[in-house]
Amino acid sequence: MGGDEFLILINHLDNPAAVVRVAERLLNTLTASYNVLGHDVQSSASVGIVTSGQCTGSAEEFVRNADMAMYEAKGARGRGWRRSVQRGHARAP
């Protein structure tokens, strides 16, 4: 992971739609405009999603799949989320 990347681990989500709601809420929070010394500033963000049922390997594999999904999201729109659906593949929202 790079200096501007981080992981969020969430337990006990009810269903796949809950994962999407969390990703969209996170994106809305991270991309909201804010004011710095009288200047409006806005950031972009990309989210890669992997659920425990999609990755049966090591923690490194789990992080790698999430990272690949995040870069798919970043490449597609520069903002948004992608869900990893199987090893080495990402799916559009």
C-alpha atoms as a PDB file:
ATOM      1  CA  MET A   1       0.000   0.000   0.000  1.00  0.00           C
ATOM      2  CA  GLY A   2       1.143   3.515  -0.774  1.00  0.00           C
ATOM      3  CA  GLY A   3       1.270   6.518   1.508  1.00  0.00           C
ATOM      4  CA  ASP A   4      -2.237   7.660   0.612  1.00  0.00           C
ATOM      5  CA  GLU A   5      -3.866   4.233   0.885  1.00  0.00           C
ATOM      6  CA  PHE A   6      -5.492   2.593   3.876  1.00  0.00           C
ATOM      7  CA  LEU A   7      -7.593  -0.429   4.778  1.00  0.00           C
ATOM      8  CA  ILE A   8     -10.931  -0.580   6.529  1.00  0.00           C
ATOM      9  CA  LEU A   9     -11.992  -3.926   7.955  1.00  0.00           C
ATOM     10  CA  ILE A  10     -15.682  -4.313   8.749  1.00  0.00           C
ATOM     11  CA  ASN A  11     -17.244  -7.274  10.548  1.00  0.00           C
ATOM     12  CA  HIS A  12     -20.806  -8.545  10.447  1.00  0.00           C
ATOM     13  CA  LEU A  13     -22.290  -6.775   7.438  1.00  0.00           C
ATOM     14  CA  ASP A  14     -25.818  -7.973   6.752  1.00  0.00           C
ATOM     15  CA  ASN A  15     -25.595  -8.445   2.981  1.00  0.00           C
ATOM     16  CA  PRO A  16     -23.661  -7.389  -0.137  1.00  0.00           C
ATOM     17  CA  ALA A  17     -25.746  -4.201  -0.426  1.00  0.00           C
ATOM     18  CA  ALA A  18     -24.433  -3.138   2.992  1.00  0.00           C
ATOM     19  CA  VAL A  19     -20.885  -3.233   1.596  1.00  0.00           C
ATOM     20  CA  VAL A  20     -21.933  -0.900  -1.215  1.00  0.00           C
ATOM     21  CA  ARG A  21     -23.604   1.497   1.238  1.00  0.00           C
ATOM     22  CA  VAL A  22     -20.420   1.642   3.323  1.00  0.00           C
ATOM     23  CA  ALA A  23     -18.288   2.309   0.211  1.00  0.00           C
ATOM     24  CA  GLU A  24     -20.616   5.040  -1.035  1.00  0.00           C
ATOM     25  CA  ARG A  25     -20.796   6.690   2.394  1.00  0.00           C
ATOM     26  CA  LEU A  26     -16.998   6.626   2.627  1.00  0.00           C
ATOM     27  CA  LEU A  27     -16.667   8.130  -0.857  1.00  0.00           C
ATOM     28  CA  ASN A  28     -19.185  10.877  -0.051  1.00  0.00           C
ATOM     29  CA  THR A  29     -17.276  11.755   3.111  1.00  0.00           C
ATOM     30  CA  LEU A  30     -13.826  11.712   1.508  1.00  0.00           C
ATOM     31  CA  THR A  31     -14.851  13.700  -1.566  1.00  0.00           C
ATOM     32  CA  ALA A  32     -16.887  16.398   0.172  1.00  0.00           C
ATOM     33  CA  SER A  33     -15.669  19.946  -0.464  1.00  0.00           C
ATOM     34  CA  TYR A  34     -14.003  21.734   2.409  1.00  0.00           C
ATOM     35  CA  ASN A  35     -12.463  25.138   2.918  1.00  0.00           C
ATOM     36  CA  VAL A  36      -8.764  25.707   3.603  1.00  0.00           C
ATOM     37  CA  LEU A  37      -7.706  29.302   4.221  1.00  0.00           C
ATOM     38  CA  GLY A  38     -10.531  30.631   2.070  1.00  0.00           C
ATOM     39  CA  HIS A  39     -10.030  28.164  -0.778  1.00  0.00           C
ATOM     40  CA  ASP A  40     -12.474  25.385  -1.618  1.00  0.00           C
ATOM     41  CA  VAL A  41     -10.704  22.044  -1.837  1.00  0.00           C
ATOM     42  CA  GLN A  42     -12.070  18.722  -3.027  1.00  0.00           C
ATOM     43  CA  SER A  43     -10.377  15.331  -3.029  1.00  0.00           C
ATOM     44  CA  SER A  44     -11.040  12.238  -5.077  1.00  0.00           C
ATOM     45  CA  ALA A  45     -11.137   8.692  -3.740  1.00  0.00           C
ATOM     46  CA  SER A  46     -11.325   5.154  -5.046  1.00  0.00           C
ATOM     47  CA  VAL A  47     -12.406   2.084  -3.084  1.00  0.00           C
ATOM     48  CA  GLY A  48     -11.577  -1.569  -3.688  1.00  0.00           C
ATOM     49  CA  ILE A  49     -13.931  -4.063  -2.050  1.00  0.00           C
ATOM     50  CA  VAL A  50     -13.203  -7.662  -1.127  1.00  0.00           C
ATOM     51  CA  THR A  51     -15.417  -9.757   1.114  1.00  0.00           C
ATOM     52  CA  SER A  52     -14.205 -12.698   3.178  1.00  0.00           C
ATOM     53  CA  GLY A  53     -16.166 -15.148   1.031  1.00  0.00           C
ATOM     54  CA  GLN A  54     -14.208 -14.087  -2.048  1.00  0.00           C
ATOM     55  CA  CYS A  55     -10.737 -14.742  -0.699  1.00  0.00           C
ATOM     56  CA  THR A  56      -9.739 -17.973   0.962  1.00  0.00           C
ATOM     57  CA  GLY A  57      -5.979 -17.434   0.887  1.00  0.00           C
ATOM     58  CA  SER A  58      -3.604 -15.382   2.956  1.00  0.00           C
ATOM     59  CA  ALA A  59      -3.989 -11.860   4.297  1.00  0.00           C
ATOM     60  CA  GLU A  60      -1.572 -10.752   1.573  1.00  0.00           C
ATOM     61  CA  GLU A  61      -3.892 -12.176  -1.094  1.00  0.00           C
ATOM     62  CA  PHE A  62      -6.849 -10.402   0.483  1.00  0.00           C
ATOM     63  CA  VAL A  63      -5.017  -7.044   0.428  1.00  0.00           C
ATOM     64  CA  ARG A  64      -3.725  -7.641  -3.115  1.00  0.00           C
ATOM     65  CA  ASN A  65      -7.262  -8.316  -4.408  1.00  0.00           C
ATOM     66  CA  ALA A  66      -8.617  -5.191  -2.700  1.00  0.00           C
ATOM     67  CA  ASP A  67      -5.717  -3.168  -4.114  1.00  0.00           C
ATOM     68  CA  MET A  68      -6.385  -4.451  -7.638  1.00  0.00           C
ATOM     69  CA  ALA A  69     -10.073  -3.583  -7.323  1.00  0.00           C
ATOM     70  CA  MET A  70      -9.175  -0.095  -6.055  1.00  0.00           C
ATOM     71  CA  TYR A  71      -6.874   0.528  -9.027  1.00  0.00           C
ATOM     72  CA  GLU A  72      -9.633  -0.650 -11.384  1.00  0.00           C
ATOM     73  CA  ALA A  73     -11.927   1.962  -9.824  1.00  0.00           C
ATOM     74  CA  LYS A  74      -9.236   4.610 -10.030  1.00  0.00           C
ATOM     75  CA  GLY A  75      -8.517   3.841 -13.688  1.00  0.00           C
ATOM     76  CA  ALA A  76     -12.151   3.777 -14.745  1.00  0.00           C
ATOM     77  CA  ARG A  77     -13.311   7.098 -13.352  1.00  0.00           C
ATOM     78  CA  GLY A  78     -10.721   8.369 -10.930  1.00  0.00           C
ATOM     79  CA  ARG A  79     -13.424   8.086  -8.275  1.00  0.00           C
ATOM     80  CA  GLY A  80     -15.738   5.315  -7.266  1.00  0.00           C
ATOM     81  CA  TRP A  81     -15.622   1.732  -6.131  1.00  0.00           C
ATOM     82  CA  ARG A  82     -15.007  -1.694  -7.578  1.00  0.00           C
ATOM     83  CA  ARG A  83     -15.727  -5.066  -6.057  1.00  0.00           C
ATOM     84  CA  SER A  84     -13.313  -7.933  -6.524  1.00  0.00           C
ATOM     85  CA  VAL A  85     -15.385 -10.899  -7.667  1.00  0.00           C
ATOM     86  CA  GLN A  86     -12.642 -13.502  -7.878  1.00  0.00           C
ATOM     87  CA  ARG A  87      -8.912 -13.742  -7.648  1.00  0.00           C
ATOM     88  CA  GLY A  88      -7.294 -11.126  -9.812  1.00  0.00           C
ATOM     89  CA  HIS A  89     -10.511  -9.707 -11.258  1.00  0.00           C
ATOM     90  CA  ALA A  90     -12.604  -6.674 -10.416  1.00  0.00           C
ATOM     91  CA  ARG A  91     -16.185  -5.822 -11.325  1.00  0.00           C
ATOM     92  CA  ALA A  92     -17.742  -2.469 -12.022  1.00  0.00           C
ATOM     93  CA  PRO A  93     -20.420  -1.271  -9.614  1.00  0.00           C
END
